[in-house]
Amino acid sequence: MQTEPADPPEIVSTRVLDTTPDGLFDALCDPEQLAAWWGPHGFTNHFHAFEPRAGGRWRYDMRGPDGAVFPQERTFSEVVPGRVVMRNEHPRHEFTMTLTWAPLDGRVLLQWSMLFDSQDEAGRVRAANEENFDRLAAHLRGRR
């Protein structure tokens, strides 16, 4: 008996943002800006290391609205204008994130892909990913 392969455990989201390609790159690679919008609504970030370059590390704590702390660690494999790729290395939350963007009619089209090692894990984080987009869009509006 042959079974069909399962859908890839991937979340792909897109959003058109009111910024320039350089403005988006800065929002992703400037630690002060990134810490201001990263994560679901109500979360804050404290960065321990942030090296946005191939082979660089990103270690940080996300603090939830209830005070719970979630240590995170990622490794960048690519950081260039228009594309950032990183690997999340938490044992129960393993995925590769690829962010690509390009100009679109005076704005920027961002595609955010998260390829998980587990289909179950992908299902658990879908809503939080959209909140990241909402916070990024609000951050960029505030910088205009």
N, C-alpha and C. Protein backbone atom coordinates (compact mmCIF):
# COMPACT_ATOMS: atom_id res chain seq x y z
N MET A 1 0.84 -1.17 0.00
CA MET A 1 0.00 0.00 0.00
C MET A 1 0.88 1.24 0.00
N GLN A 2 0.61 2.15 -0.89
CA GLN A 2 1.38 3.37 -1.00
C GLN A 2 0.53 4.53 -0.47
N THR A 3 1.15 5.37 0.32
CA THR A 3 0.43 6.53 0.83
C THR A 3 0.94 7.78 0.15
N GLU A 4 0.05 8.75 0.02
CA GLU A 4 0.43 10.03 -0.55
C GLU A 4 1.26 10.81 0.47
N PRO A 5 2.27 11.52 0.02
CA PRO A 5 3.03 12.32 0.97
C PRO A 5 2.14 13.40 1.58
N ALA A 6 2.39 13.69 2.83
CA ALA A 6 1.64 14.74 3.52
C ALA A 6 2.05 16.10 2.97
N ASP A 7 1.16 17.07 3.13
CA ASP A 7 1.53 18.43 2.76
C ASP A 7 2.79 18.81 3.51
N PRO A 8 3.65 19.62 2.88
CA PRO A 8 4.84 20.04 3.62
C PRO A 8 4.41 20.87 4.84
N PRO A 9 5.09 20.68 5.93
CA PRO A 9 4.75 21.42 7.15
C PRO A 9 5.27 22.86 7.06
N GLU A 10 4.65 23.63 6.16
CA GLU A 10 5.15 24.96 5.86
C GLU A 10 4.03 25.98 6.00
N ILE A 11 4.39 27.13 6.53
CA ILE A 11 3.50 28.27 6.57
C ILE A 11 4.11 29.31 5.63
N VAL A 12 3.34 29.75 4.65
CA VAL A 12 3.80 30.79 3.74
C VAL A 12 2.78 31.93 3.81
N SER A 13 3.26 33.10 4.17
CA SER A 13 2.41 34.28 4.28
C SER A 13 3.01 35.40 3.46
N THR A 14 2.15 36.25 2.94
CA THR A 14 2.63 37.43 2.21
C THR A 14 1.89 38.65 2.73
N ARG A 15 2.55 39.78 2.59
CA ARG A 15 1.93 41.04 2.98
C ARG A 15 2.58 42.16 2.18
N VAL A 16 1.78 43.11 1.73
CA VAL A 16 2.29 44.32 1.09
C VAL A 16 2.43 45.36 2.19
N LEU A 17 3.61 45.94 2.30
CA LEU A 17 3.94 46.88 3.38
C LEU A 17 4.27 48.26 2.82
N ASP A 18 3.87 49.29 3.55
CA ASP A 18 4.17 50.66 3.16
C ASP A 18 5.56 51.04 3.64
N THR A 19 6.55 50.65 2.87
CA THR A 19 7.95 50.97 3.16
C THR A 19 8.73 50.78 1.88
N THR A 20 10.03 51.00 1.97
CA THR A 20 10.94 50.74 0.86
C THR A 20 11.65 49.41 1.12
N PRO A 21 12.27 48.81 0.12
CA PRO A 21 13.07 47.61 0.39
C PRO A 21 14.14 47.85 1.45
N ASP A 22 14.81 49.01 1.40
CA ASP A 22 15.83 49.31 2.41
C ASP A 22 15.21 49.48 3.79
N GLY A 23 14.02 50.09 3.85
CA GLY A 23 13.34 50.25 5.13
C GLY A 23 12.99 48.92 5.77
N LEU A 24 12.57 47.96 4.94
CA LEU A 24 12.26 46.63 5.47
C LEU A 24 13.53 45.91 5.92
N PHE A 25 14.58 46.02 5.13
CA PHE A 25 15.86 45.41 5.52
C PHE A 25 16.31 45.95 6.88
N ASP A 26 16.18 47.26 7.07
CA ASP A 26 16.56 47.86 8.36
C ASP A 26 15.68 47.33 9.49
N ALA A 27 14.37 47.19 9.26
CA ALA A 27 13.46 46.69 10.29
C ALA A 27 13.79 45.26 10.70
N LEU A 28 14.40 44.51 9.78
CA LEU A 28 14.78 43.12 10.06
C LEU A 28 16.19 42.99 10.64
N CYS A 29 17.08 43.92 10.32
CA CYS A 29 18.50 43.75 10.68
C CYS A 29 19.02 44.75 11.69
N ASP A 30 18.23 45.74 12.07
CA ASP A 30 18.60 46.67 13.13
C ASP A 30 18.00 46.12 14.42
N PRO A 31 18.84 45.71 15.39
CA PRO A 31 18.30 45.05 16.58
C PRO A 31 17.29 45.89 17.36
N GLU A 32 17.47 47.20 17.38
CA GLU A 32 16.52 48.04 18.11
C GLU A 32 15.14 48.01 17.45
N GLN A 33 15.13 48.11 16.13
CA GLN A 33 13.85 48.03 15.42
C GLN A 33 13.23 46.63 15.55
N LEU A 34 14.02 45.61 15.33
CA LEU A 34 13.51 44.24 15.38
C LEU A 34 12.92 43.91 16.74
N ALA A 35 13.60 44.30 17.79
CA ALA A 35 13.11 44.02 19.15
C ALA A 35 11.77 44.71 19.41
N ALA A 36 11.52 45.83 18.73
CA ALA A 36 10.29 46.59 18.96
C ALA A 36 9.05 45.91 18.40
N TRP A 37 9.20 45.09 17.34
CA TRP A 37 8.00 44.52 16.72
C TRP A 37 7.95 43.00 16.67
N TRP A 38 9.02 42.31 16.95
CA TRP A 38 9.10 40.86 16.76
C TRP A 38 8.19 40.11 17.73
N GLY A 39 7.47 39.13 17.21
CA GLY A 39 6.68 38.23 18.05
C GLY A 39 5.20 38.57 18.07
N PRO A 40 4.43 37.72 18.73
CA PRO A 40 2.99 37.94 18.82
C PRO A 40 2.66 39.18 19.66
N HIS A 41 1.41 39.63 19.53
CA HIS A 41 0.94 40.79 20.31
C HIS A 41 1.21 40.58 21.79
N GLY A 42 1.69 41.63 22.45
CA GLY A 42 1.91 41.59 23.88
C GLY A 42 3.25 41.05 24.31
N PHE A 43 4.06 40.53 23.38
CA PHE A 43 5.37 39.99 23.71
C PHE A 43 6.44 41.07 23.59
N THR A 44 7.47 40.97 24.42
CA THR A 44 8.63 41.84 24.33
C THR A 44 9.87 40.96 24.12
N ASN A 45 10.97 41.60 23.74
CA ASN A 45 12.18 40.87 23.40
C ASN A 45 13.40 41.46 24.09
N HIS A 46 14.29 40.58 24.53
CA HIS A 46 15.59 40.99 25.05
C HIS A 46 16.65 40.19 24.28
N PHE A 47 17.49 40.90 23.52
CA PHE A 47 18.50 40.24 22.70
C PHE A 47 19.79 40.06 23.49
N HIS A 48 20.36 38.86 23.44
CA HIS A 48 21.66 38.57 24.05
C HIS A 48 22.76 38.62 23.00
N ALA A 49 22.45 38.19 21.79
CA ALA A 49 23.39 38.24 20.66
C ALA A 49 22.57 38.43 19.40
N PHE A 50 23.06 39.27 18.51
CA PHE A 50 22.38 39.50 17.24
C PHE A 50 23.43 39.81 16.20
N GLU A 51 23.69 38.84 15.33
CA GLU A 51 24.73 38.94 14.30
C GLU A 51 24.11 38.62 12.95
N PRO A 52 23.43 39.59 12.31
CA PRO A 52 22.73 39.32 11.05
C PRO A 52 23.69 39.21 9.86
N ARG A 53 24.30 38.03 9.76
CA ARG A 53 25.22 37.69 8.67
C ARG A 53 25.24 36.18 8.55
N ALA A 54 25.66 35.66 7.42
CA ALA A 54 25.75 34.21 7.25
C ALA A 54 26.62 33.62 8.35
N GLY A 55 26.10 32.65 9.07
CA GLY A 55 26.81 32.02 10.18
C GLY A 55 26.62 32.73 11.51
N GLY A 56 25.98 33.90 11.50
CA GLY A 56 25.77 34.66 12.73
C GLY A 56 24.65 34.08 13.59
N ARG A 57 24.70 34.38 14.87
CA ARG A 57 23.73 33.86 15.83
C ARG A 57 22.76 34.96 16.24
N TRP A 58 21.57 34.52 16.62
CA TRP A 58 20.57 35.42 17.21
C TRP A 58 20.02 34.70 18.43
N ARG A 59 20.43 35.13 19.60
CA ARG A 59 19.93 34.57 20.86
C ARG A 59 19.13 35.65 21.57
N TYR A 60 17.92 35.29 21.97
CA TYR A 60 17.06 36.28 22.62
C TYR A 60 16.02 35.58 23.48
N ASP A 61 15.43 36.37 24.37
CA ASP A 61 14.31 35.90 25.18
C ASP A 61 13.07 36.67 24.76
N MET A 62 12.00 35.93 24.51
CA MET A 62 10.69 36.54 24.31
C MET A 62 9.95 36.42 25.63
N ARG A 63 9.37 37.53 26.07
CA ARG A 63 8.60 37.52 27.31
C ARG A 63 7.14 37.74 26.95
N GLY A 64 6.31 36.79 27.38
CA GLY A 64 4.88 36.88 27.11
C GLY A 64 4.18 37.86 28.02
N PRO A 65 2.95 38.20 27.70
CA PRO A 65 2.19 39.14 28.51
C PRO A 65 2.00 38.66 29.95
N ASP A 66 2.08 37.35 30.17
CA ASP A 66 1.94 36.79 31.52
C ASP A 66 3.27 36.71 32.26
N GLY A 67 4.36 37.20 31.63
CA GLY A 67 5.67 37.19 32.26
C GLY A 67 6.50 35.96 31.95
N ALA A 68 5.92 34.96 31.28
CA ALA A 68 6.67 33.76 30.92
C ALA A 68 7.77 34.12 29.93
N VAL A 69 8.95 33.50 30.12
CA VAL A 69 10.10 33.78 29.26
C VAL A 69 10.34 32.58 28.36
N PHE A 70 10.54 32.86 27.06
CA PHE A 70 10.77 31.83 26.06
C PHE A 70 12.12 32.08 25.40
N PRO A 71 13.18 31.37 25.85
CA PRO A 71 14.49 31.54 25.21
C PRO A 71 14.46 31.03 23.77
N GLN A 72 15.10 31.78 22.89
CA GLN A 72 15.14 31.44 21.47
C GLN A 72 16.58 31.50 20.98
N GLU A 73 16.88 30.67 19.99
CA GLU A 73 18.20 30.73 19.37
C GLU A 73 18.07 30.39 17.90
N ARG A 74 18.67 31.24 17.08
CA ARG A 74 18.62 31.06 15.63
C ARG A 74 20.01 31.28 15.05
N THR A 75 20.23 30.67 13.89
CA THR A 75 21.46 30.87 13.14
C THR A 75 21.09 31.37 11.75
N PHE A 76 21.71 32.47 11.34
CA PHE A 76 21.48 33.00 10.00
C PHE A 76 22.30 32.21 8.99
N SER A 77 21.68 31.87 7.85
CA SER A 77 22.45 31.26 6.78
C SER A 77 22.61 32.21 5.59
N GLU A 78 21.73 33.21 5.53
CA GLU A 78 21.84 34.20 4.45
C GLU A 78 21.21 35.50 4.93
N VAL A 79 21.92 36.61 4.70
CA VAL A 79 21.41 37.94 5.02
C VAL A 79 21.90 38.88 3.92
N VAL A 80 21.02 39.18 2.99
CA VAL A 80 21.32 40.09 1.90
C VAL A 80 20.07 40.93 1.65
N PRO A 81 20.22 42.12 1.06
CA PRO A 81 19.02 42.89 0.74
C PRO A 81 18.06 42.05 -0.12
N GLY A 82 16.85 41.94 0.34
CA GLY A 82 15.83 41.17 -0.37
C GLY A 82 15.66 39.75 0.11
N ARG A 83 16.53 39.27 1.01
CA ARG A 83 16.42 37.88 1.46
C ARG A 83 17.17 37.67 2.78
N VAL A 84 16.47 37.07 3.74
CA VAL A 84 17.07 36.65 5.01
C VAL A 84 16.59 35.23 5.29
N VAL A 85 17.54 34.34 5.58
CA VAL A 85 17.22 32.95 5.90
C VAL A 85 17.86 32.61 7.23
N MET A 86 17.07 31.97 8.12
CA MET A 86 17.59 31.59 9.43
C MET A 86 16.97 30.28 9.87
N ARG A 87 17.67 29.61 10.77
CA ARG A 87 17.22 28.33 11.32
C ARG A 87 16.94 28.51 12.81
N ASN A 88 15.71 28.20 13.22
CA ASN A 88 15.36 28.21 14.64
C ASN A 88 15.80 26.87 15.22
N GLU A 89 16.51 26.91 16.35
CA GLU A 89 17.15 25.71 16.86
C GLU A 89 16.61 25.21 18.19
N HIS A 90 15.44 25.67 18.58
CA HIS A 90 14.84 25.15 19.81
C HIS A 90 14.39 23.72 19.56
N PRO A 91 14.75 22.76 20.42
CA PRO A 91 14.46 21.34 20.14
C PRO A 91 12.99 21.02 19.89
N ARG A 92 12.06 21.77 20.50
CA ARG A 92 10.65 21.49 20.27
C ARG A 92 10.01 22.46 19.28
N HIS A 93 10.82 23.26 18.63
CA HIS A 93 10.29 24.31 17.77
C HIS A 93 11.29 24.53 16.64
N GLU A 94 11.54 23.48 15.82
CA GLU A 94 12.59 23.54 14.81
C GLU A 94 11.99 23.86 13.44
N PHE A 95 12.55 24.91 12.81
CA PHE A 95 12.09 25.30 11.48
C PHE A 95 13.13 26.18 10.82
N THR A 96 13.01 26.32 9.50
CA THR A 96 13.81 27.26 8.73
C THR A 96 12.88 28.36 8.25
N MET A 97 13.27 29.60 8.51
CA MET A 97 12.49 30.76 8.11
C MET A 97 13.19 31.46 6.96
N THR A 98 12.44 31.74 5.91
CA THR A 98 12.97 32.46 4.75
C THR A 98 12.09 33.67 4.51
N LEU A 99 12.69 34.85 4.52
CA LEU A 99 12.00 36.09 4.26
C LEU A 99 12.54 36.65 2.95
N THR A 100 11.66 36.91 2.01
CA THR A 100 12.07 37.53 0.74
C THR A 100 11.16 38.72 0.49
N TRP A 101 11.70 39.76 -0.15
CA TRP A 101 10.89 40.92 -0.44
C TRP A 101 11.39 41.63 -1.68
N ALA A 102 10.45 42.38 -2.29
CA ALA A 102 10.75 43.11 -3.52
C ALA A 102 9.81 44.30 -3.62
N PRO A 103 10.23 45.34 -4.34
CA PRO A 103 9.36 46.50 -4.53
C PRO A 103 8.10 46.11 -5.30
N LEU A 104 7.00 46.80 -4.98
CA LEU A 104 5.73 46.57 -5.65
C LEU A 104 4.92 47.86 -5.62
N ASP A 105 4.87 48.56 -6.74
CA ASP A 105 4.05 49.77 -6.86
C ASP A 105 4.30 50.77 -5.73
N GLY A 106 5.56 51.07 -5.44
CA GLY A 106 5.89 52.04 -4.41
C GLY A 106 5.84 51.50 -3.00
N ARG A 107 5.55 50.24 -2.85
CA ARG A 107 5.53 49.59 -1.54
C ARG A 107 6.43 48.36 -1.63
N VAL A 108 6.30 47.44 -0.68
CA VAL A 108 7.15 46.24 -0.69
C VAL A 108 6.27 45.01 -0.45
N LEU A 109 6.49 43.99 -1.26
CA LEU A 109 5.83 42.70 -1.07
C LEU A 109 6.77 41.80 -0.30
N LEU A 110 6.34 41.38 0.90
CA LEU A 110 7.13 40.49 1.76
C LEU A 110 6.51 39.10 1.73
N GLN A 111 7.35 38.09 1.49
CA GLN A 111 6.92 36.70 1.65
C GLN A 111 7.70 36.10 2.81
N TRP A 112 6.99 35.44 3.70
CA TRP A 112 7.53 34.92 4.96
C TRP A 112 7.22 33.43 4.96
N SER A 113 8.22 32.61 4.84
CA SER A 113 8.04 31.16 4.80
C SER A 113 8.70 30.51 6.01
N MET A 114 7.95 29.63 6.67
CA MET A 114 8.49 28.87 7.80
C MET A 114 8.28 27.39 7.46
N LEU A 115 9.38 26.67 7.24
CA LEU A 115 9.33 25.25 6.94
C LEU A 115 9.71 24.48 8.20
N PHE A 116 8.72 23.80 8.79
CA PHE A 116 8.88 23.11 10.07
C PHE A 116 9.34 21.68 9.88
N ASP A 117 10.00 21.16 10.90
CA ASP A 117 10.37 19.75 10.92
C ASP A 117 9.16 18.88 11.23
N SER A 118 8.07 19.49 11.75
CA SER A 118 6.89 18.75 12.18
C SER A 118 5.61 19.45 11.71
N GLN A 119 4.69 18.71 11.14
CA GLN A 119 3.39 19.25 10.72
C GLN A 119 2.62 19.77 11.93
N ASP A 120 2.68 19.05 13.06
CA ASP A 120 1.98 19.49 14.26
C ASP A 120 2.46 20.85 14.73
N GLU A 121 3.76 21.06 14.70
CA GLU A 121 4.31 22.33 15.15
C GLU A 121 3.87 23.47 14.23
N ALA A 122 3.83 23.21 12.94
CA ALA A 122 3.38 24.23 11.99
C ALA A 122 1.96 24.69 12.33
N GLY A 123 1.09 23.76 12.66
CA GLY A 123 -0.28 24.10 12.99
C GLY A 123 -0.41 24.94 14.23
N ARG A 124 0.48 24.75 15.18
CA ARG A 124 0.41 25.49 16.45
C ARG A 124 0.80 26.96 16.32
N VAL A 125 1.59 27.34 15.32
CA VAL A 125 2.09 28.71 15.28
C VAL A 125 1.50 29.57 14.16
N ARG A 126 0.55 29.06 13.42
CA ARG A 126 0.00 29.85 12.29
C ARG A 126 -0.52 31.22 12.71
N ALA A 127 -1.31 31.31 13.75
CA ALA A 127 -1.90 32.60 14.16
C ALA A 127 -0.82 33.57 14.62
N ALA A 128 0.17 33.10 15.35
CA ALA A 128 1.23 33.97 15.85
C ALA A 128 2.01 34.60 14.70
N ASN A 129 2.15 33.89 13.61
CA ASN A 129 2.88 34.42 12.46
C ASN A 129 2.16 35.65 11.89
N GLU A 130 0.84 35.61 11.79
CA GLU A 130 0.10 36.76 11.29
C GLU A 130 0.25 37.95 12.22
N GLU A 131 0.34 37.71 13.52
CA GLU A 131 0.53 38.80 14.47
C GLU A 131 1.88 39.48 14.25
N ASN A 132 2.91 38.71 13.87
CA ASN A 132 4.20 39.31 13.53
C ASN A 132 4.04 40.32 12.39
N PHE A 133 3.31 39.93 11.35
CA PHE A 133 3.06 40.83 10.23
C PHE A 133 2.35 42.10 10.70
N ASP A 134 1.33 41.95 11.55
CA ASP A 134 0.59 43.11 12.05
C ASP A 134 1.51 44.06 12.79
N ARG A 135 2.35 43.51 13.66
CA ARG A 135 3.26 44.35 14.44
C ARG A 135 4.31 45.02 13.54
N LEU A 136 4.81 44.30 12.53
CA LEU A 136 5.77 44.89 11.59
C LEU A 136 5.12 46.04 10.83
N ALA A 137 3.92 45.83 10.31
CA ALA A 137 3.24 46.89 9.57
C ALA A 137 3.03 48.13 10.43
N ALA A 138 2.62 47.96 11.69
CA ALA A 138 2.43 49.08 12.60
C ALA A 138 3.76 49.78 12.88
N HIS A 139 4.82 49.02 13.06
CA HIS A 139 6.14 49.60 13.30
C HIS A 139 6.56 50.46 12.11
N LEU A 140 6.39 49.94 10.90
CA LEU A 140 6.80 50.68 9.71
C LEU A 140 5.96 51.94 9.52
N ARG A 141 4.66 51.88 9.83
CA ARG A 141 3.80 53.08 9.74
C ARG A 141 4.31 54.16 10.70
N GLY A 142 4.76 53.76 11.87
CA GLY A 142 5.26 54.71 12.86
C GLY A 142 6.59 55.34 12.48
N ARG A 143 7.31 54.75 11.55
CA ARG A 143 8.62 55.27 11.14
C ARG A 143 8.51 56.21 9.93
N ARG A 144 7.31 56.30 9.33
CA ARG A 144 7.15 57.18 8.16
C ARG A 144 7.15 58.62 8.55
